[in-house]
Amino acid sequence: MARIVLHKELFDFDSELRKQYPVICGVDEAGRGPLAGDVYAAAVVLDDQTLIDYLNDSKKISAKRREELFDTIREKARAYCIATASVEEIDRINILNAAMLAMKRAVEGLGLMPDLALIDGNKLPDISCPAQYVIKGDATSASIAAASVLAKVARDRYMEELAQKYPQYGFEQHKGYGTKQHYAALEEFGVSDVHRRTFLKKLYDQK
């Protein structure tokens, strides 16, 4: 018999809030730290009776499991949206504001108005529904954990696509983060148009 792993405490957290806010949306982002690529965000609405095995903070799940959960979440969610803010927006308004913008776009793209949006972290995007932040929310709320998985998988797939266009940087391996390999490629090949100039100002100015 297959072993089922259900992190019930995450679903209980959301269920308690639904007594006051029937429609809850979880929101999380992926890709604030990398030197390259867009920042991603996802918003997910789950119904109270929806339970998803293995759902947890995306950082605590293997890449293979995240891929499986990506499809399950999209199938079982009442609504979901994955949104981005571009490299150009990151450089223009800074990464924090760009991440907030991606979150706003994700919530607005749901097609319904949540009674409450749960935002991972300690800051709130400018959205038109009530919101509260939850520190370490992806390990606290099932809705945020679901958003965490969607954002992470979508961004990883995007970086793998960029790797086809820019094979010299190894994006498929480090997903744009500042690894030794990535910095070595930057030194050899320079800064591409998918790199965040504000993250690489010193290196960019030298080139």
C-alpha atoms as a PDB file:
ATOM      1  CA  MET A   1       0.000   0.000   0.000  1.00  0.00           C
ATOM      2  CA  ALA A   2       1.380   3.428  -0.955  1.00  0.00           C
ATOM      3  CA  ARG A   3       2.520   5.615   1.913  1.00  0.00           C
ATOM      4  CA  ILE A   4       0.592   8.886   2.071  1.00  0.00           C
ATOM      5  CA  VAL A   5       2.244  11.982   3.531  1.00  0.00           C
ATOM      6  CA  LEU A   6      -0.257  14.695   4.436  1.00  0.00           C
ATOM      7  CA  HIS A   7       0.926  17.797   6.274  1.00  0.00           C
ATOM      8  CA  LYS A   8      -2.479  18.306   7.843  1.00  0.00           C
ATOM      9  CA  GLU A   9      -1.408  21.265   9.987  1.00  0.00           C
ATOM     10  CA  LEU A  10      -1.040  23.406   6.847  1.00  0.00           C
ATOM     11  CA  PHE A  11      -4.637  22.685   5.826  1.00  0.00           C
ATOM     12  CA  ASP A  12      -5.892  23.190   9.390  1.00  0.00           C
ATOM     13  CA  PHE A  13      -4.323  26.675   9.418  1.00  0.00           C
ATOM     14  CA  ASP A  14      -6.326  27.664   6.342  1.00  0.00           C
ATOM     15  CA  SER A  15      -9.518  25.977   7.557  1.00  0.00           C
ATOM     16  CA  GLU A  16      -9.492  28.028  10.741  1.00  0.00           C
ATOM     17  CA  LEU A  17      -9.199  31.255   8.761  1.00  0.00           C
ATOM     18  CA  ARG A  18     -12.015  30.219   6.398  1.00  0.00           C
ATOM     19  CA  LYS A  19     -14.453  30.450   9.327  1.00  0.00           C
ATOM     20  CA  GLN A  20     -14.111  34.222   8.924  1.00  0.00           C
ATOM     21  CA  TYR A  21     -12.848  34.462   5.317  1.00  0.00           C
ATOM     22  CA  PRO A  22     -14.516  31.769   3.156  1.00  0.00           C
ATOM     23  CA  VAL A  23     -12.316  32.316   0.085  1.00  0.00           C
ATOM     24  CA  ILE A  24      -8.609  32.352   0.914  1.00  0.00           C
ATOM     25  CA  CYS A  25      -5.855  32.900  -1.589  1.00  0.00           C
ATOM     26  CA  GLY A  26      -2.248  31.917  -0.875  1.00  0.00           C
ATOM     27  CA  VAL A  27       0.489  33.961  -2.561  1.00  0.00           C
ATOM     28  CA  ASP A  28       4.232  33.346  -2.872  1.00  0.00           C
ATOM     29  CA  GLU A  29       7.107  34.333  -5.143  1.00  0.00           C
ATOM     30  CA  ALA A  30      10.171  32.628  -6.574  1.00  0.00           C
ATOM     31  CA  GLY A  31      13.369  34.115  -7.900  1.00  0.00           C
ATOM     32  CA  ARG A  32      14.149  37.177  -5.805  1.00  0.00           C
ATOM     33  CA  GLY A  33      17.790  36.219  -5.341  1.00  0.00           C
ATOM     34  CA  PRO A  34      19.092  35.185  -8.790  1.00  0.00           C
ATOM     35  CA  LEU A  35      21.316  37.340 -10.973  1.00  0.00           C
ATOM     36  CA  ALA A  36      19.223  36.635 -14.071  1.00  0.00           C
ATOM     37  CA  GLY A  37      15.671  36.102 -15.218  1.00  0.00           C
ATOM     38  CA  ASP A  38      12.210  37.325 -14.300  1.00  0.00           C
ATOM     39  CA  VAL A  39      10.768  37.053 -10.811  1.00  0.00           C
ATOM     40  CA  TYR A  40       7.719  34.780 -10.577  1.00  0.00           C
ATOM     41  CA  ALA A  41       4.696  34.725  -8.275  1.00  0.00           C
ATOM     42  CA  ALA A  42       1.663  32.502  -7.920  1.00  0.00           C
ATOM     43  CA  ALA A  43      -1.719  32.821  -6.248  1.00  0.00           C
ATOM     44  CA  VAL A  44      -3.808  29.759  -5.373  1.00  0.00           C
ATOM     45  CA  VAL A  45      -7.328  29.308  -4.013  1.00  0.00           C
ATOM     46  CA  LEU A  46      -8.095  25.903  -2.503  1.00  0.00           C
ATOM     47  CA  ASP A  47     -11.517  24.747  -1.299  1.00  0.00           C
ATOM     48  CA  ASP A  48     -11.859  23.699   2.321  1.00  0.00           C
ATOM     49  CA  GLN A  49     -12.370  20.029   1.448  1.00  0.00           C
ATOM     50  CA  THR A  50      -9.278  19.889  -0.783  1.00  0.00           C
ATOM     51  CA  LEU A  51      -6.334  17.973   0.655  1.00  0.00           C
ATOM     52  CA  ILE A  52      -3.142  17.400  -1.315  1.00  0.00           C
ATOM     53  CA  ASP A  53      -0.671  14.720  -0.314  1.00  0.00           C
ATOM     54  CA  TYR A  54       2.985  15.774   0.068  1.00  0.00           C
ATOM     55  CA  LEU A  55       2.163  19.487  -0.195  1.00  0.00           C
ATOM     56  CA  ASN A  56       4.692  21.467   1.842  1.00  0.00           C
ATOM     57  CA  ASP A  57       7.150  24.338   1.555  1.00  0.00           C
ATOM     58  CA  SER A  58       8.582  23.931  -1.969  1.00  0.00           C
ATOM     59  CA  LYS A  59      12.143  24.109  -0.585  1.00  0.00           C
ATOM     60  CA  LYS A  60      11.459  20.952   1.434  1.00  0.00           C
ATOM     61  CA  ILE A  61      10.251  18.948  -1.581  1.00  0.00           C
ATOM     62  CA  SER A  62      12.397  17.260  -4.208  1.00  0.00           C
ATOM     63  CA  ALA A  63      12.362  18.634  -7.760  1.00  0.00           C
ATOM     64  CA  LYS A  64      10.592  15.495  -8.987  1.00  0.00           C
ATOM     65  CA  ARG A  65       7.900  15.798  -6.311  1.00  0.00           C
ATOM     66  CA  ARG A  66       7.428  19.507  -7.082  1.00  0.00           C
ATOM     67  CA  GLU A  67       6.805  18.642 -10.733  1.00  0.00           C
ATOM     68  CA  GLU A  68       4.154  16.120  -9.713  1.00  0.00           C
ATOM     69  CA  LEU A  69       2.537  18.563  -7.299  1.00  0.00           C
ATOM     70  CA  PHE A  70       2.507  21.281  -9.956  1.00  0.00           C
ATOM     71  CA  ASP A  71      -0.009  19.288 -11.995  1.00  0.00           C
ATOM     72  CA  THR A  72      -2.014  18.163  -8.951  1.00  0.00           C
ATOM     73  CA  ILE A  73      -2.368  21.712  -7.600  1.00  0.00           C
ATOM     74  CA  ARG A  74      -3.536  23.064 -10.932  1.00  0.00           C
ATOM     75  CA  GLU A  75      -6.057  20.231 -11.208  1.00  0.00           C
ATOM     76  CA  LYS A  76      -7.451  20.562  -7.672  1.00  0.00           C
ATOM     77  CA  ALA A  77      -7.297  24.330  -7.120  1.00  0.00           C
ATOM     78  CA  ARG A  78     -10.507  26.305  -7.342  1.00  0.00           C
ATOM     79  CA  ALA A  79      -8.438  29.042  -9.025  1.00  0.00           C
ATOM     80  CA  TYR A  80      -4.773  29.785  -9.631  1.00  0.00           C
ATOM     81  CA  CYS A  81      -2.617  32.259 -11.515  1.00  0.00           C
ATOM     82  CA  ILE A  82       1.119  32.421 -12.214  1.00  0.00           C
ATOM     83  CA  ALA A  83       2.518  35.868 -13.010  1.00  0.00           C
ATOM     84  CA  THR A  84       5.883  37.557 -13.487  1.00  0.00           C
ATOM     85  CA  ALA A  85       7.741  40.829 -13.347  1.00  0.00           C
ATOM     86  CA  SER A  86      10.418  41.241 -15.990  1.00  0.00           C
ATOM     87  CA  VAL A  87      14.154  41.785 -15.732  1.00  0.00           C
ATOM     88  CA  GLU A  88      13.565  45.320 -17.014  1.00  0.00           C
ATOM     89  CA  GLU A  89      11.024  45.960 -14.249  1.00  0.00           C
ATOM     90  CA  ILE A  90      13.401  44.524 -11.643  1.00  0.00           C
ATOM     91  CA  ASP A  91      16.127  46.913 -12.755  1.00  0.00           C
ATOM     92  CA  ARG A  92      13.751  49.869 -12.910  1.00  0.00           C
ATOM     93  CA  ILE A  93      11.823  49.528  -9.625  1.00  0.00           C
ATOM     94  CA  ASN A  94      14.108  47.120  -7.639  1.00  0.00           C
ATOM     95  CA  ILE A  95      13.590  43.462  -6.852  1.00  0.00           C
ATOM     96  CA  LEU A  96      11.356  43.912  -3.799  1.00  0.00           C
ATOM     97  CA  ASN A  97       8.906  46.117  -5.677  1.00  0.00           C
ATOM     98  CA  ALA A  98       9.059  43.816  -8.704  1.00  0.00           C
ATOM     99  CA  ALA A  99       8.241  40.794  -6.523  1.00  0.00           C
ATOM    100  CA  MET A 100       5.294  42.709  -5.032  1.00  0.00           C
ATOM    101  CA  LEU A 101       4.168  43.592  -8.575  1.00  0.00           C
ATOM    102  CA  ALA A 102       4.305  39.947  -9.654  1.00  0.00           C
ATOM    103  CA  MET A 103       2.234  38.994  -6.588  1.00  0.00           C
ATOM    104  CA  LYS A 104      -0.319  41.700  -7.395  1.00  0.00           C
ATOM    105  CA  ARG A 105      -0.589  40.403 -10.963  1.00  0.00           C
ATOM    106  CA  ALA A 106      -1.059  36.842  -9.709  1.00  0.00           C
ATOM    107  CA  VAL A 107      -3.909  37.812  -7.372  1.00  0.00           C
ATOM    108  CA  GLU A 108      -5.582  39.978 -10.015  1.00  0.00           C
ATOM    109  CA  GLY A 109      -5.329  37.141 -12.536  1.00  0.00           C
ATOM    110  CA  LEU A 110      -7.313  34.650 -10.441  1.00  0.00           C
ATOM    111  CA  GLY A 111     -10.660  35.542 -11.979  1.00  0.00           C
ATOM    112  CA  LEU A 112     -12.283  35.854  -8.560  1.00  0.00           C
ATOM    113  CA  MET A 113     -11.918  38.172  -5.582  1.00  0.00           C
ATOM    114  CA  PRO A 114     -10.607  36.423  -2.442  1.00  0.00           C
ATOM    115  CA  ASP A 115     -11.968  37.367   0.957  1.00  0.00           C
ATOM    116  CA  LEU A 116      -8.381  37.233   2.220  1.00  0.00           C
ATOM    117  CA  ALA A 117      -4.977  36.909   0.588  1.00  0.00           C
ATOM    118  CA  LEU A 118      -2.246  35.240   2.625  1.00  0.00           C
ATOM    119  CA  ILE A 119       1.145  36.597   1.563  1.00  0.00           C
ATOM    120  CA  ASP A 120       4.371  34.749   2.292  1.00  0.00           C
ATOM    121  CA  GLY A 121       6.954  36.961   4.015  1.00  0.00           C
ATOM    122  CA  ASN A 122       6.659  40.206   5.940  1.00  0.00           C
ATOM    123  CA  LYS A 123       5.395  42.687   3.345  1.00  0.00           C
ATOM    124  CA  LEU A 124       2.125  43.128   1.475  1.00  0.00           C
ATOM    125  CA  PRO A 125       1.610  43.885  -2.210  1.00  0.00           C
ATOM    126  CA  ASP A 126      -0.834  46.596  -3.246  1.00  0.00           C
ATOM    127  CA  ILE A 127      -3.924  44.488  -3.887  1.00  0.00           C
ATOM    128  CA  SER A 128      -7.634  45.273  -3.737  1.00  0.00           C
ATOM    129  CA  CYS A 129      -8.672  42.580  -1.254  1.00  0.00           C
ATOM    130  CA  PRO A 130      -7.889  42.184   2.459  1.00  0.00           C
ATOM    131  CA  ALA A 131      -4.433  40.682   3.005  1.00  0.00           C
ATOM    132  CA  GLN A 132      -2.168  39.547   5.781  1.00  0.00           C
ATOM    133  CA  TYR A 133       1.404  38.410   5.621  1.00  0.00           C
ATOM    134  CA  VAL A 134       2.564  35.124   7.118  1.00  0.00           C
ATOM    135  CA  ILE A 135       6.242  34.770   7.966  1.00  0.00           C
ATOM    136  CA  LYS A 136       7.448  31.367   6.744  1.00  0.00           C
ATOM    137  CA  GLY A 137       4.003  31.071   5.220  1.00  0.00           C
ATOM    138  CA  ASP A 138       4.971  28.285   2.830  1.00  0.00           C
ATOM    139  CA  ALA A 139       5.575  26.077   5.880  1.00  0.00           C
ATOM    140  CA  THR A 140       2.408  27.311   7.645  1.00  0.00           C
ATOM    141  CA  SER A 141      -0.449  27.561   5.122  1.00  0.00           C
ATOM    142  CA  ALA A 142      -1.484  24.996   2.521  1.00  0.00           C
ATOM    143  CA  SER A 143      -2.584  27.758   0.147  1.00  0.00           C
ATOM    144  CA  ILE A 144       0.779  29.518   0.371  1.00  0.00           C
ATOM    145  CA  ALA A 145       2.621  26.203   0.034  1.00  0.00           C
ATOM    146  CA  ALA A 146       0.653  25.503  -3.153  1.00  0.00           C
ATOM    147  CA  ALA A 147       1.550  28.948  -4.506  1.00  0.00           C
ATOM    148  CA  SER A 148       5.170  28.303  -3.562  1.00  0.00           C
ATOM    149  CA  VAL A 149       5.257  25.124  -5.646  1.00  0.00           C
ATOM    150  CA  LEU A 150       3.605  26.722  -8.689  1.00  0.00           C
ATOM    151  CA  ALA A 151       5.936  29.731  -8.639  1.00  0.00           C
ATOM    152  CA  LYS A 152       9.069  27.631  -8.109  1.00  0.00           C
ATOM    153  CA  VAL A 153       8.323  25.059 -10.811  1.00  0.00           C
ATOM    154  CA  ALA A 154       7.196  27.670 -13.330  1.00  0.00           C
ATOM    155  CA  ARG A 155      10.349  29.705 -12.806  1.00  0.00           C
ATOM    156  CA  ASP A 156      12.636  26.664 -12.982  1.00  0.00           C
ATOM    157  CA  ARG A 157      11.049  25.698 -16.308  1.00  0.00           C
ATOM    158  CA  TYR A 158      11.509  29.256 -17.572  1.00  0.00           C
ATOM    159  CA  MET A 159      15.207  29.201 -16.639  1.00  0.00           C
ATOM    160  CA  GLU A 160      15.606  25.881 -18.444  1.00  0.00           C
ATOM    161  CA  GLU A 161      14.118  27.529 -21.539  1.00  0.00           C
ATOM    162  CA  LEU A 162      16.578  30.424 -21.180  1.00  0.00           C
ATOM    163  CA  ALA A 163      19.365  27.844 -20.987  1.00  0.00           C
ATOM    164  CA  GLN A 164      18.507  26.777 -24.534  1.00  0.00           C
ATOM    165  CA  LYS A 165      18.941  30.348 -25.757  1.00  0.00           C
ATOM    166  CA  TYR A 166      21.978  31.164 -23.596  1.00  0.00           C
ATOM    167  CA  PRO A 167      23.768  27.797 -23.142  1.00  0.00           C
ATOM    168  CA  GLN A 168      27.041  29.420 -22.081  1.00  0.00           C
ATOM    169  CA  TYR A 169      25.683  30.451 -18.659  1.00  0.00           C
ATOM    170  CA  GLY A 170      24.455  27.075 -17.362  1.00  0.00           C
ATOM    171  CA  PHE A 171      21.028  28.376 -16.319  1.00  0.00           C
ATOM    172  CA  GLU A 172      19.613  24.849 -16.292  1.00  0.00           C
ATOM    173  CA  GLN A 173      21.925  24.009 -13.389  1.00  0.00           C
ATOM    174  CA  HIS A 174      21.894  27.072 -11.114  1.00  0.00           C
ATOM    175  CA  LYS A 175      18.623  28.716 -12.292  1.00  0.00           C
ATOM    176  CA  GLY A 176      20.337  32.099 -12.399  1.00  0.00           C
ATOM    177  CA  TYR A 177      21.707  32.136  -8.845  1.00  0.00           C
ATOM    178  CA  GLY A 178      25.181  33.490  -8.186  1.00  0.00           C
ATOM    179  CA  THR A 179      27.175  30.269  -8.152  1.00  0.00           C
ATOM    180  CA  LYS A 180      30.898  30.038  -8.838  1.00  0.00           C
ATOM    181  CA  GLN A 181      30.068  28.551 -12.255  1.00  0.00           C
ATOM    182  CA  HIS A 182      27.711  31.428 -13.069  1.00  0.00           C
ATOM    183  CA  TYR A 183      30.232  34.129 -12.115  1.00  0.00           C
ATOM    184  CA  ALA A 184      32.910  32.373 -14.164  1.00  0.00           C
ATOM    185  CA  ALA A 185      30.593  32.408 -17.201  1.00  0.00           C
ATOM    186  CA  LEU A 186      29.872  36.092 -16.643  1.00  0.00           C
ATOM    187  CA  GLU A 187      33.584  36.847 -16.580  1.00  0.00           C
ATOM    188  CA  GLU A 188      34.087  34.939 -19.825  1.00  0.00           C
ATOM    189  CA  PHE A 189      30.982  35.900 -21.793  1.00  0.00           C
ATOM    190  CA  GLY A 190      29.841  39.153 -20.204  1.00  0.00           C
ATOM    191  CA  VAL A 191      26.347  40.175 -19.157  1.00  0.00           C
ATOM    192  CA  SER A 192      23.396  39.050 -21.308  1.00  0.00           C
ATOM    193  CA  ASP A 193      20.096  40.820 -21.831  1.00  0.00           C
ATOM    194  CA  VAL A 194      18.405  38.481 -19.329  1.00  0.00           C
ATOM    195  CA  HIS A 195      20.748  39.436 -16.509  1.00  0.00           C
ATOM    196  CA  ARG A 196      19.670  41.903 -13.854  1.00  0.00           C
ATOM    197  CA  ARG A 197      21.950  44.886 -14.386  1.00  0.00           C
ATOM    198  CA  THR A 198      21.317  46.263 -10.891  1.00  0.00           C
ATOM    199  CA  PHE A 199      22.471  42.946  -9.415  1.00  0.00           C
ATOM    200  CA  LEU A 200      25.663  43.052 -11.487  1.00  0.00           C
ATOM    201  CA  LYS A 201      26.417  46.759 -11.596  1.00  0.00           C
ATOM    202  CA  LYS A 202      30.143  46.484 -10.905  1.00  0.00           C
ATOM    203  CA  LEU A 203      30.627  43.666 -13.391  1.00  0.00           C
ATOM    204  CA  TYR A 204      28.381  45.324 -15.976  1.00  0.00           C
ATOM    205  CA  ASP A 205      30.220  48.646 -15.704  1.00  0.00           C
ATOM    206  CA  GLN A 206      33.547  46.880 -16.310  1.00  0.00           C
ATOM    207  CA  LYS A 207      32.227  45.331 -19.519  1.00  0.00           C
END
